[in-house]
Amino acid sequence: MAVNPSIITRDLDKISEKTGNLYESLHIASQRAKQISSSMKEELNNKLSEFASTVDNLEEVFENKEQIEISKFYERMPKPSSLAMEEFLEDKLYFRKPEAPTE
């Protein structure tokens, strides 16, 4: 993932030119960010579930370095909103407007 995780100032004209409406563009990017966030959370939970134990032993909790490393890796990843905005600006997202109902 080559996206810079730091805060970036975005050109609002570039964002709005894809749809003609800034708020519509932001809505599309935010919906994609929700998808990315959901899949990342599911992936993290699957990896961490391998380490789940039924024993409430505090020593085992503090000794599990692999689990801590996995968590730190996900914390360092770019935020879903940044990834979604990059995808949107690079035309990697497919979106369409729903048809207006005809009477």
PDB file of N, CA and C in Angstrom:
ATOM      1  N   MET A   1       0.839  -1.164   0.000  1.00  0.00           N
ATOM      2  CA  MET A   1       0.000   0.000   0.000  1.00  0.00           C
ATOM      3  C   MET A   1       0.889   1.234   0.000  1.00  0.00           C
ATOM      4  N   ALA A   2       0.876   1.943  -1.090  1.00  0.00           N
ATOM      5  CA  ALA A   2       1.782   3.060  -1.263  1.00  0.00           C
ATOM      6  C   ALA A   2       1.160   4.397  -0.897  1.00  0.00           C
ATOM      7  N   VAL A   3       0.062   4.387  -0.178  1.00  0.00           N
ATOM      8  CA  VAL A   3      -0.602   5.635   0.180  1.00  0.00           C
ATOM      9  C   VAL A   3       0.064   6.214   1.410  1.00  0.00           C
ATOM     10  N   ASN A   4       0.339   7.511   1.355  1.00  0.00           N
ATOM     11  CA  ASN A   4       0.951   8.196   2.475  1.00  0.00           C
ATOM     12  C   ASN A   4      -0.076   8.327   3.604  1.00  0.00           C
ATOM     13  N   PRO A   5       0.219   7.799   4.801  1.00  0.00           N
ATOM     14  CA  PRO A   5      -0.771   7.814   5.877  1.00  0.00           C
ATOM     15  C   PRO A   5      -0.962   9.171   6.549  1.00  0.00           C
ATOM     16  N   SER A   6      -0.151  10.182   6.199  1.00  0.00           N
ATOM     17  CA  SER A   6      -0.282  11.482   6.844  1.00  0.00           C
ATOM     18  C   SER A   6      -1.445  12.272   6.249  1.00  0.00           C
ATOM     19  N   ILE A   7      -1.784  13.348   6.910  1.00  0.00           N
ATOM     20  CA  ILE A   7      -2.886  14.190   6.455  1.00  0.00           C
ATOM     21  C   ILE A   7      -2.441  14.950   5.213  1.00  0.00           C
ATOM     22  N   ILE A   8      -3.300  14.972   4.206  1.00  0.00           N
ATOM     23  CA  ILE A   8      -2.986  15.616   2.934  1.00  0.00           C
ATOM     24  C   ILE A   8      -4.067  16.643   2.623  1.00  0.00           C
ATOM     25  N   THR A   9      -3.655  17.817   2.158  1.00  0.00           N
ATOM     26  CA  THR A   9      -4.617  18.813   1.694  1.00  0.00           C
ATOM     27  C   THR A   9      -5.059  18.409   0.301  1.00  0.00           C
ATOM     28  N   ARG A  10      -6.358  18.323   0.096  1.00  0.00           N
ATOM     29  CA  ARG A  10      -6.906  17.883  -1.185  1.00  0.00           C
ATOM     30  C   ARG A  10      -7.464  19.078  -1.952  1.00  0.00           C
ATOM     31  N   ASP A  11      -7.365  19.009  -3.272  1.00  0.00           N
ATOM     32  CA  ASP A  11      -7.955  20.013  -4.147  1.00  0.00           C
ATOM     33  C   ASP A  11      -9.429  19.672  -4.328  1.00  0.00           C
ATOM     34  N   LEU A  12     -10.297  20.509  -3.797  1.00  0.00           N
ATOM     35  CA  LEU A  12     -11.728  20.238  -3.850  1.00  0.00           C
ATOM     36  C   LEU A  12     -12.266  20.217  -5.275  1.00  0.00           C
ATOM     37  N   ASP A  13     -11.649  20.986  -6.163  1.00  0.00           N
ATOM     38  CA  ASP A  13     -12.095  20.986  -7.559  1.00  0.00           C
ATOM     39  C   ASP A  13     -11.854  19.626  -8.215  1.00  0.00           C
ATOM     40  N   LYS A  14     -10.719  18.994  -7.902  1.00  0.00           N
ATOM     41  CA  LYS A  14     -10.437  17.666  -8.460  1.00  0.00           C
ATOM     42  C   LYS A  14     -11.417  16.631  -7.924  1.00  0.00           C
ATOM     43  N   ILE A  15     -11.761  16.765  -6.660  1.00  0.00           N
ATOM     44  CA  ILE A  15     -12.700  15.816  -6.055  1.00  0.00           C
ATOM     45  C   ILE A  15     -14.084  15.975  -6.670  1.00  0.00           C
ATOM     46  N   SER A  16     -14.520  17.206  -6.841  1.00  0.00           N
ATOM     47  CA  SER A  16     -15.890  17.433  -7.322  1.00  0.00           C
ATOM     48  C   SER A  16     -16.032  17.255  -8.830  1.00  0.00           C
ATOM     49  N   GLU A  17     -14.947  17.305  -9.589  1.00  0.00           N
ATOM     50  CA  GLU A  17     -15.084  17.196 -11.052  1.00  0.00           C
ATOM     51  C   GLU A  17     -15.523  15.810 -11.519  1.00  0.00           C
ATOM     52  N   LYS A  18     -15.313  14.801 -10.709  1.00  0.00           N
ATOM     53  CA  LYS A  18     -15.692  13.434 -11.104  1.00  0.00           C
ATOM     54  C   LYS A  18     -17.202  13.255 -11.159  1.00  0.00           C
ATOM     55  N   THR A  19     -17.924  13.941 -10.270  1.00  0.00           N
ATOM     56  CA  THR A  19     -19.377  13.792 -10.228  1.00  0.00           C
ATOM     57  C   THR A  19     -20.107  15.094 -10.519  1.00  0.00           C
ATOM     58  N   GLY A  20     -19.406  16.200 -10.451  1.00  0.00           N
ATOM     59  CA  GLY A  20     -20.038  17.500 -10.623  1.00  0.00           C
ATOM     60  C   GLY A  20     -20.564  18.063  -9.309  1.00  0.00           C
ATOM     61  N   ASN A  21     -20.412  17.313  -8.222  1.00  0.00           N
ATOM     62  CA  ASN A  21     -20.918  17.734  -6.931  1.00  0.00           C
ATOM     63  C   ASN A  21     -19.943  17.254  -5.853  1.00  0.00           C
ATOM     64  N   LEU A  22     -19.413  18.185  -5.082  1.00  0.00           N
ATOM     65  CA  LEU A  22     -18.437  17.849  -4.049  1.00  0.00           C
ATOM     66  C   LEU A  22     -19.010  16.873  -3.033  1.00  0.00           C
ATOM     67  N   TYR A  23     -20.235  17.122  -2.591  1.00  0.00           N
ATOM     68  CA  TYR A  23     -20.830  16.280  -1.544  1.00  0.00           C
ATOM     69  C   TYR A  23     -21.114  14.868  -2.054  1.00  0.00           C
ATOM     70  N   GLU A  24     -21.489  14.760  -3.303  1.00  0.00           N
ATOM     71  CA  GLU A  24     -21.710  13.433  -3.885  1.00  0.00           C
ATOM     72  C   GLU A  24     -20.389  12.669  -3.970  1.00  0.00           C
ATOM     73  N   SER A  25     -19.331  13.360  -4.358  1.00  0.00           N
ATOM     74  CA  SER A  25     -18.013  12.727  -4.429  1.00  0.00           C
ATOM     75  C   SER A  25     -17.552  12.260  -3.057  1.00  0.00           C
ATOM     76  N   LEU A  26     -17.756  13.109  -2.050  1.00  0.00           N
ATOM     77  CA  LEU A  26     -17.373  12.728  -0.689  1.00  0.00           C
ATOM     78  C   LEU A  26     -18.205  11.561  -0.184  1.00  0.00           C
ATOM     79  N   HIS A  27     -19.464  11.527  -0.566  1.00  0.00           N
ATOM     80  CA  HIS A  27     -20.327  10.410  -0.162  1.00  0.00           C
ATOM     81  C   HIS A  27     -19.825   9.102  -0.779  1.00  0.00           C
ATOM     82  N   ILE A  28     -19.458   9.145  -2.036  1.00  0.00           N
ATOM     83  CA  ILE A  28     -18.953   7.941  -2.709  1.00  0.00           C
ATOM     84  C   ILE A  28     -17.670   7.463  -2.034  1.00  0.00           C
ATOM     85  N   ALA A  29     -16.757   8.397  -1.752  1.00  0.00           N
ATOM     86  CA  ALA A  29     -15.498   8.029  -1.096  1.00  0.00           C
ATOM     87  C   ALA A  29     -15.754   7.502   0.316  1.00  0.00           C
ATOM     88  N   SER A  30     -16.718   8.087   1.013  1.00  0.00           N
ATOM     89  CA  SER A  30     -16.993   7.624   2.376  1.00  0.00           C
ATOM     90  C   SER A  30     -17.621   6.235   2.382  1.00  0.00           C
ATOM     91  N   GLN A  31     -18.448   5.928   1.384  1.00  0.00           N
ATOM     92  CA  GLN A  31     -19.024   4.593   1.294  1.00  0.00           C
ATOM     93  C   GLN A  31     -17.927   3.566   1.044  1.00  0.00           C
ATOM     94  N   ARG A  32     -16.966   3.914   0.203  1.00  0.00           N
ATOM     95  CA  ARG A  32     -15.841   3.016  -0.063  1.00  0.00           C
ATOM     96  C   ARG A  32     -14.985   2.864   1.197  1.00  0.00           C
ATOM     97  N   ALA A  33     -14.809   3.951   1.949  1.00  0.00           N
ATOM     98  CA  ALA A  33     -14.033   3.880   3.191  1.00  0.00           C
ATOM     99  C   ALA A  33     -14.698   2.924   4.180  1.00  0.00           C
ATOM    100  N   LYS A  34     -16.026   2.927   4.224  1.00  0.00           N
ATOM    101  CA  LYS A  34     -16.742   1.986   5.097  1.00  0.00           C
ATOM    102  C   LYS A  34     -16.477   0.544   4.676  1.00  0.00           C
ATOM    103  N   GLN A  35     -16.457   0.296   3.353  1.00  0.00           N
ATOM    104  CA  GLN A  35     -16.173  -1.052   2.860  1.00  0.00           C
ATOM    105  C   GLN A  35     -14.763  -1.484   3.245  1.00  0.00           C
ATOM    106  N   ILE A  36     -13.803  -0.594   3.043  1.00  0.00           N
ATOM    107  CA  ILE A  36     -12.402  -0.899   3.369  1.00  0.00           C
ATOM    108  C   ILE A  36     -12.260  -1.150   4.864  1.00  0.00           C
ATOM    109  N   SER A  37     -12.869  -0.295   5.667  1.00  0.00           N
ATOM    110  CA  SER A  37     -12.791  -0.435   7.123  1.00  0.00           C
ATOM    111  C   SER A  37     -13.384  -1.758   7.587  1.00  0.00           C
ATOM    112  N   SER A  38     -14.506  -2.116   7.015  1.00  0.00           N
ATOM    113  CA  SER A  38     -15.166  -3.368   7.388  1.00  0.00           C
ATOM    114  C   SER A  38     -14.297  -4.574   7.042  1.00  0.00           C
ATOM    115  N   SER A  39     -13.710  -4.562   5.856  1.00  0.00           N
ATOM    116  CA  SER A  39     -12.879  -5.705   5.460  1.00  0.00           C
ATOM    117  C   SER A  39     -11.596  -5.765   6.286  1.00  0.00           C
ATOM    118  N   MET A  40     -11.013  -4.601   6.613  1.00  0.00           N
ATOM    119  CA  MET A  40      -9.809  -4.586   7.443  1.00  0.00           C
ATOM    120  C   MET A  40     -10.125  -5.091   8.851  1.00  0.00           C
ATOM    121  N   LYS A  41     -11.264  -4.691   9.393  1.00  0.00           N
ATOM    122  CA  LYS A  41     -11.655  -5.129  10.731  1.00  0.00           C
ATOM    123  C   LYS A  41     -11.891  -6.632  10.761  1.00  0.00           C
ATOM    124  N   GLU A  42     -12.555  -7.147   9.727  1.00  0.00           N
ATOM    125  CA  GLU A  42     -12.804  -8.581   9.654  1.00  0.00           C
ATOM    126  C   GLU A  42     -11.495  -9.356   9.551  1.00  0.00           C
ATOM    127  N   GLU A  43     -10.583  -8.852   8.726  1.00  0.00           N
ATOM    128  CA  GLU A  43      -9.277  -9.502   8.560  1.00  0.00           C
ATOM    129  C   GLU A  43      -8.500  -9.501   9.874  1.00  0.00           C
ATOM    130  N   LEU A  44      -8.496  -8.369  10.570  1.00  0.00           N
ATOM    131  CA  LEU A  44      -7.804  -8.278  11.856  1.00  0.00           C
ATOM    132  C   LEU A  44      -8.421  -9.223  12.878  1.00  0.00           C
ATOM    133  N   ASN A  45      -9.745  -9.240  12.951  1.00  0.00           N
ATOM    134  CA  ASN A  45     -10.415 -10.130  13.909  1.00  0.00           C
ATOM    135  C   ASN A  45     -10.120 -11.598  13.618  1.00  0.00           C
ATOM    136  N   ASN A  46     -10.047 -11.962  12.330  1.00  0.00           N
ATOM    137  CA  ASN A  46      -9.714 -13.341  11.981  1.00  0.00           C
ATOM    138  C   ASN A  46      -8.304 -13.704  12.426  1.00  0.00           C
ATOM    139  N   LYS A  47      -7.370 -12.778  12.240  1.00  0.00           N
ATOM    140  CA  LYS A  47      -5.990 -13.044  12.644  1.00  0.00           C
ATOM    141  C   LYS A  47      -5.866 -13.114  14.164  1.00  0.00           C
ATOM    142  N   LEU A  48      -6.578 -12.234  14.856  1.00  0.00           N
ATOM    143  CA  LEU A  48      -6.491 -12.222  16.315  1.00  0.00           C
ATOM    144  C   LEU A  48      -7.245 -13.380  16.943  1.00  0.00           C
ATOM    145  N   SER A  49      -8.240 -13.910  16.256  1.00  0.00           N
ATOM    146  CA  SER A  49      -9.001 -15.033  16.807  1.00  0.00           C
ATOM    147  C   SER A  49      -8.137 -16.292  16.913  1.00  0.00           C
ATOM    148  N   GLU A  50      -7.075 -16.371  16.121  1.00  0.00           N
ATOM    149  CA  GLU A  50      -6.156 -17.500  16.220  1.00  0.00           C
ATOM    150  C   GLU A  50      -5.468 -17.543  17.580  1.00  0.00           C
ATOM    151  N   PHE A  51      -5.368 -16.375  18.218  1.00  0.00           N
ATOM    152  CA  PHE A  51      -4.680 -16.281  19.498  1.00  0.00           C
ATOM    153  C   PHE A  51      -5.636 -16.317  20.680  1.00  0.00           C
ATOM    154  N   ALA A  52      -6.919 -16.391  20.415  1.00  0.00           N
ATOM    155  CA  ALA A  52      -7.904 -16.373  21.503  1.00  0.00           C
ATOM    156  C   ALA A  52      -7.742 -17.606  22.377  1.00  0.00           C
ATOM    157  N   SER A  53      -7.806 -17.365  23.653  1.00  0.00           N
ATOM    158  CA  SER A  53      -7.696 -18.488  24.589  1.00  0.00           C
ATOM    159  C   SER A  53      -8.848 -18.424  25.574  1.00  0.00           C
ATOM    160  N   THR A  54      -9.200 -19.561  26.077  1.00  0.00           N
ATOM    161  CA  THR A  54     -10.283 -19.625  27.062  1.00  0.00           C
ATOM    162  C   THR A  54      -9.754 -19.502  28.480  1.00  0.00           C
ATOM    163  N   VAL A  55      -8.442 -19.498  28.621  1.00  0.00           N
ATOM    164  CA  VAL A  55      -7.819 -19.407  29.938  1.00  0.00           C
ATOM    165  C   VAL A  55      -7.646 -17.933  30.290  1.00  0.00           C
ATOM    166  N   ASP A  56      -7.998 -17.575  31.487  1.00  0.00           N
ATOM    167  CA  ASP A  56      -7.850 -16.192  31.934  1.00  0.00           C
ATOM    168  C   ASP A  56      -6.549 -16.013  32.719  1.00  0.00           C
ATOM    169  N   ASN A  57      -5.484 -16.480  32.156  1.00  0.00           N
ATOM    170  CA  ASN A  57      -4.185 -16.388  32.807  1.00  0.00           C
ATOM    171  C   ASN A  57      -3.497 -15.115  32.337  1.00  0.00           C
ATOM    172  N   LEU A  58      -3.180 -14.205  33.244  1.00  0.00           N
ATOM    173  CA  LEU A  58      -2.579 -12.933  32.878  1.00  0.00           C
ATOM    174  C   LEU A  58      -1.202 -13.104  32.254  1.00  0.00           C
ATOM    175  N   GLU A  59      -0.475 -14.120  32.630  1.00  0.00           N
ATOM    176  CA  GLU A  59       0.854 -14.334  32.064  1.00  0.00           C
ATOM    177  C   GLU A  59       0.767 -14.600  30.565  1.00  0.00           C
ATOM    178  N   GLU A  60      -0.212 -15.377  30.150  1.00  0.00           N
ATOM    179  CA  GLU A  60      -0.367 -15.664  28.723  1.00  0.00           C
ATOM    180  C   GLU A  60      -0.755 -14.415  27.943  1.00  0.00           C
ATOM    181  N   VAL A  61      -1.538 -13.547  28.550  1.00  0.00           N
ATOM    182  CA  VAL A  61      -1.969 -12.327  27.871  1.00  0.00           C
ATOM    183  C   VAL A  61      -0.775 -11.437  27.579  1.00  0.00           C
ATOM    184  N   PHE A  62       0.117 -11.274  28.547  1.00  0.00           N
ATOM    185  CA  PHE A  62       1.249 -10.381  28.364  1.00  0.00           C
ATOM    186  C   PHE A  62       2.371 -10.992  27.540  1.00  0.00           C
ATOM    187  N   GLU A  63       2.415 -12.287  27.397  1.00  0.00           N
ATOM    188  CA  GLU A  63       3.490 -12.935  26.663  1.00  0.00           C
ATOM    189  C   GLU A  63       3.231 -13.042  25.167  1.00  0.00           C
ATOM    190  N   ASN A  64       2.036 -12.754  24.718  1.00  0.00           N
ATOM    191  CA  ASN A  64       1.700 -12.965  23.320  1.00  0.00           C
ATOM    192  C   ASN A  64       2.189 -11.807  22.449  1.00  0.00           C
ATOM    193  N   LYS A  65       3.448 -11.857  22.065  1.00  0.00           N
ATOM    194  CA  LYS A  65       4.075 -10.803  21.268  1.00  0.00           C
ATOM    195  C   LYS A  65       3.548 -10.772  19.834  1.00  0.00           C
ATOM    196  N   GLU A  66       3.220 -11.930  19.273  1.00  0.00           N
ATOM    197  CA  GLU A  66       2.715 -11.975  17.896  1.00  0.00           C
ATOM    198  C   GLU A  66       1.412 -11.205  17.757  1.00  0.00           C
ATOM    199  N   GLN A  67       0.549 -11.359  18.720  1.00  0.00           N
ATOM    200  CA  GLN A  67      -0.730 -10.659  18.695  1.00  0.00           C
ATOM    201  C   GLN A  67      -0.506  -9.140  18.754  1.00  0.00           C
ATOM    202  N   ILE A  68       0.427  -8.707  19.568  1.00  0.00           N
ATOM    203  CA  ILE A  68       0.742  -7.287  19.685  1.00  0.00           C
ATOM    204  C   ILE A  68       1.310  -6.763  18.369  1.00  0.00           C
ATOM    205  N   GLU A  69       2.181  -7.523  17.730  1.00  0.00           N
ATOM    206  CA  GLU A  69       2.770  -7.112  16.459  1.00  0.00           C
ATOM    207  C   GLU A  69       1.712  -6.984  15.361  1.00  0.00           C
ATOM    208  N   ILE A  70       0.772  -7.925  15.332  1.00  0.00           N
ATOM    209  CA  ILE A  70      -0.307  -7.854  14.346  1.00  0.00           C
ATOM    210  C   ILE A  70      -1.136  -6.598  14.573  1.00  0.00           C
ATOM    211  N   SER A  71      -1.458  -6.300  15.809  1.00  0.00           N
ATOM    212  CA  SER A  71      -2.244  -5.111  16.132  1.00  0.00           C
ATOM    213  C   SER A  71      -1.496  -3.838  15.738  1.00  0.00           C
ATOM    214  N   LYS A  72      -0.201  -3.797  16.025  1.00  0.00           N
ATOM    215  CA  LYS A  72       0.598  -2.616  15.665  1.00  0.00           C
ATOM    216  C   LYS A  72       0.682  -2.447  14.153  1.00  0.00           C
ATOM    217  N   PHE A  73       0.768  -3.560  13.426  1.00  0.00           N
ATOM    218  CA  PHE A  73       0.805  -3.487  11.965  1.00  0.00           C
ATOM    219  C   PHE A  73      -0.467  -2.814  11.440  1.00  0.00           C
ATOM    220  N   TYR A  74      -1.616  -3.213  11.961  1.00  0.00           N
ATOM    221  CA  TYR A  74      -2.878  -2.626  11.505  1.00  0.00           C
ATOM    222  C   TYR A  74      -3.022  -1.172  11.937  1.00  0.00           C
ATOM    223  N   GLU A  75      -2.442  -0.807  13.059  1.00  0.00           N
ATOM    224  CA  GLU A  75      -2.481   0.587  13.493  1.00  0.00           C
ATOM    225  C   GLU A  75      -1.659   1.488  12.576  1.00  0.00           C
ATOM    226  N   ARG A  76      -0.579   0.951  12.012  1.00  0.00           N
ATOM    227  CA  ARG A  76       0.293   1.733  11.140  1.00  0.00           C
ATOM    228  C   ARG A  76      -0.223   1.832   9.707  1.00  0.00           C
ATOM    229  N   MET A  77      -1.196   1.037   9.365  1.00  0.00           N
ATOM    230  CA  MET A  77      -1.729   1.062   8.001  1.00  0.00           C
ATOM    231  C   MET A  77      -2.430   2.390   7.724  1.00  0.00           C
ATOM    232  N   PRO A  78      -2.478   2.799   6.457  1.00  0.00           N
ATOM    233  CA  PRO A  78      -3.204   4.032   6.124  1.00  0.00           C
ATOM    234  C   PRO A  78      -4.673   3.905   6.503  1.00  0.00           C
ATOM    235  N   LYS A  79      -5.259   5.020   6.841  1.00  0.00           N
ATOM    236  CA  LYS A  79      -6.659   5.039   7.238  1.00  0.00           C
ATOM    237  C   LYS A  79      -7.553   4.710   6.038  1.00  0.00           C
ATOM    238  N   PRO A  80      -8.675   4.052   6.279  1.00  0.00           N
ATOM    239  CA  PRO A  80      -9.593   3.704   5.188  1.00  0.00           C
ATOM    240  C   PRO A  80     -10.060   4.916   4.379  1.00  0.00           C
ATOM    241  N   SER A  81     -10.248   6.042   5.035  1.00  0.00           N
ATOM    242  CA  SER A  81     -10.684   7.241   4.302  1.00  0.00           C
ATOM    243  C   SER A  81      -9.612   7.727   3.332  1.00  0.00           C
ATOM    244  N   SER A  82      -8.350   7.612   3.714  1.00  0.00           N
ATOM    245  CA  SER A  82      -7.257   8.003   2.813  1.00  0.00           C
ATOM    246  C   SER A  82      -7.168   7.058   1.627  1.00  0.00           C
ATOM    247  N   LEU A  83      -7.305   5.761   1.897  1.00  0.00           N
ATOM    248  CA  LEU A  83      -7.273   4.778   0.809  1.00  0.00           C
ATOM    249  C   LEU A  83      -8.432   4.999  -0.157  1.00  0.00           C
ATOM    250  N   ALA A  84      -9.616   5.248   0.390  1.00  0.00           N
ATOM    251  CA  ALA A  84     -10.796   5.449  -0.448  1.00  0.00           C
ATOM    252  C   ALA A  84     -10.656   6.696  -1.308  1.00  0.00           C
ATOM    253  N   MET A  85     -10.130   7.762  -0.747  1.00  0.00           N
ATOM    254  CA  MET A  85      -9.969   9.005  -1.524  1.00  0.00           C
ATOM    255  C   MET A  85      -8.934   8.808  -2.628  1.00  0.00           C
ATOM    256  N   GLU A  86      -7.867   8.084  -2.350  1.00  0.00           N
ATOM    257  CA  GLU A  86      -6.876   7.793  -3.386  1.00  0.00           C
ATOM    258  C   GLU A  86      -7.505   6.985  -4.525  1.00  0.00           C
ATOM    259  N   GLU A  87      -8.279   5.977  -4.167  1.00  0.00           N
ATOM    260  CA  GLU A  87      -8.962   5.168  -5.183  1.00  0.00           C
ATOM    261  C   GLU A  87      -9.908   6.039  -6.011  1.00  0.00           C
ATOM    262  N   PHE A  88     -10.631   6.917  -5.356  1.00  0.00           N
ATOM    263  CA  PHE A  88     -11.582   7.778  -6.056  1.00  0.00           C
ATOM    264  C   PHE A  88     -10.862   8.709  -7.029  1.00  0.00           C
ATOM    265  N   LEU A  89      -9.793   9.341  -6.576  1.00  0.00           N
ATOM    266  CA  LEU A  89      -9.070  10.289  -7.420  1.00  0.00           C
ATOM    267  C   LEU A  89      -8.327   9.610  -8.564  1.00  0.00           C
ATOM    268  N   GLU A  90      -7.964   8.339  -8.385  1.00  0.00           N
ATOM    269  CA  GLU A  90      -7.252   7.599  -9.430  1.00  0.00           C
ATOM    270  C   GLU A  90      -8.209   6.808 -10.323  1.00  0.00           C
ATOM    271  N   ASP A  91      -9.498   7.095 -10.227  1.00  0.00           N
ATOM    272  CA  ASP A  91     -10.537   6.433 -11.037  1.00  0.00           C
ATOM    273  C   ASP A  91     -10.535   4.914 -10.872  1.00  0.00           C
ATOM    274  N   LYS A  92     -10.289   4.446  -9.668  1.00  0.00           N
ATOM    275  CA  LYS A  92     -10.306   3.013  -9.406  1.00  0.00           C
ATOM    276  C   LYS A  92     -11.634   2.550  -8.823  1.00  0.00           C
ATOM    277  N   LEU A  93     -12.564   3.491  -8.620  1.00  0.00           N
ATOM    278  CA  LEU A  93     -13.876   3.156  -8.070  1.00  0.00           C
ATOM    279  C   LEU A  93     -14.919   3.178  -9.168  1.00  0.00           C
ATOM    280  N   TYR A  94     -15.795   2.204  -9.122  1.00  0.00           N
ATOM    281  CA  TYR A  94     -16.945   2.197 -10.027  1.00  0.00           C
ATOM    282  C   TYR A  94     -18.151   2.667  -9.221  1.00  0.00           C
ATOM    283  N   PHE A  95     -18.813   3.688  -9.715  1.00  0.00           N
ATOM    284  CA  PHE A  95     -20.030   4.156  -9.065  1.00  0.00           C
ATOM    285  C   PHE A  95     -21.008   4.575 -10.159  1.00  0.00           C
ATOM    286  N   ARG A  96     -22.269   4.523  -9.812  1.00  0.00           N
ATOM    287  CA  ARG A  96     -23.299   4.935 -10.764  1.00  0.00           C
ATOM    288  C   ARG A  96     -24.447   5.550  -9.992  1.00  0.00           C
ATOM    289  N   LYS A  97     -25.166   6.402 -10.670  1.00  0.00           N
ATOM    290  CA  LYS A  97     -26.329   7.018 -10.053  1.00  0.00           C
ATOM    291  C   LYS A  97     -27.530   6.100 -10.294  1.00  0.00           C
ATOM    292  N   PRO A  98     -28.343   5.903  -9.276  1.00  0.00           N
ATOM    293  CA  PRO A  98     -29.549   5.078  -9.479  1.00  0.00           C
ATOM    294  C   PRO A  98     -30.505   5.784 -10.435  1.00  0.00           C
ATOM    295  N   GLU A  99     -31.206   4.992 -11.172  1.00  0.00           N
ATOM    296  CA  GLU A  99     -32.186   5.531 -12.119  1.00  0.00           C
ATOM    297  C   GLU A  99     -33.309   6.233 -11.362  1.00  0.00           C
ATOM    298  N   ALA A 100     -33.745   7.361 -11.890  1.00  0.00           N
ATOM    299  CA  ALA A 100     -34.879   8.064 -11.286  1.00  0.00           C
ATOM    300  C   ALA A 100     -36.145   7.272 -11.608  1.00  0.00           C
ATOM    301  N   PRO A 101     -37.032   7.122 -10.644  1.00  0.00           N
ATOM    302  CA  PRO A 101     -38.268   6.366 -10.930  1.00  0.00           C
ATOM    303  C   PRO A 101     -39.123   7.089 -11.956  1.00  0.00           C
ATOM    304  N   THR A 102     -39.622   6.354 -12.902  1.00  0.00           N
ATOM    305  CA  THR A 102     -40.491   6.935 -13.919  1.00  0.00           C
ATOM    306  C   THR A 102     -41.937   6.672 -13.552  1.00  0.00           C
ATOM    307  N   GLU A 103     -42.757   7.659 -13.807  1.00  0.00           N
ATOM    308  CA  GLU A 103     -44.173   7.504 -13.449  1.00  0.00           C
ATOM    309  C   GLU A 103     -45.032   7.333 -14.659  1.00  0.00           C
TER     310      GLU A 103
END
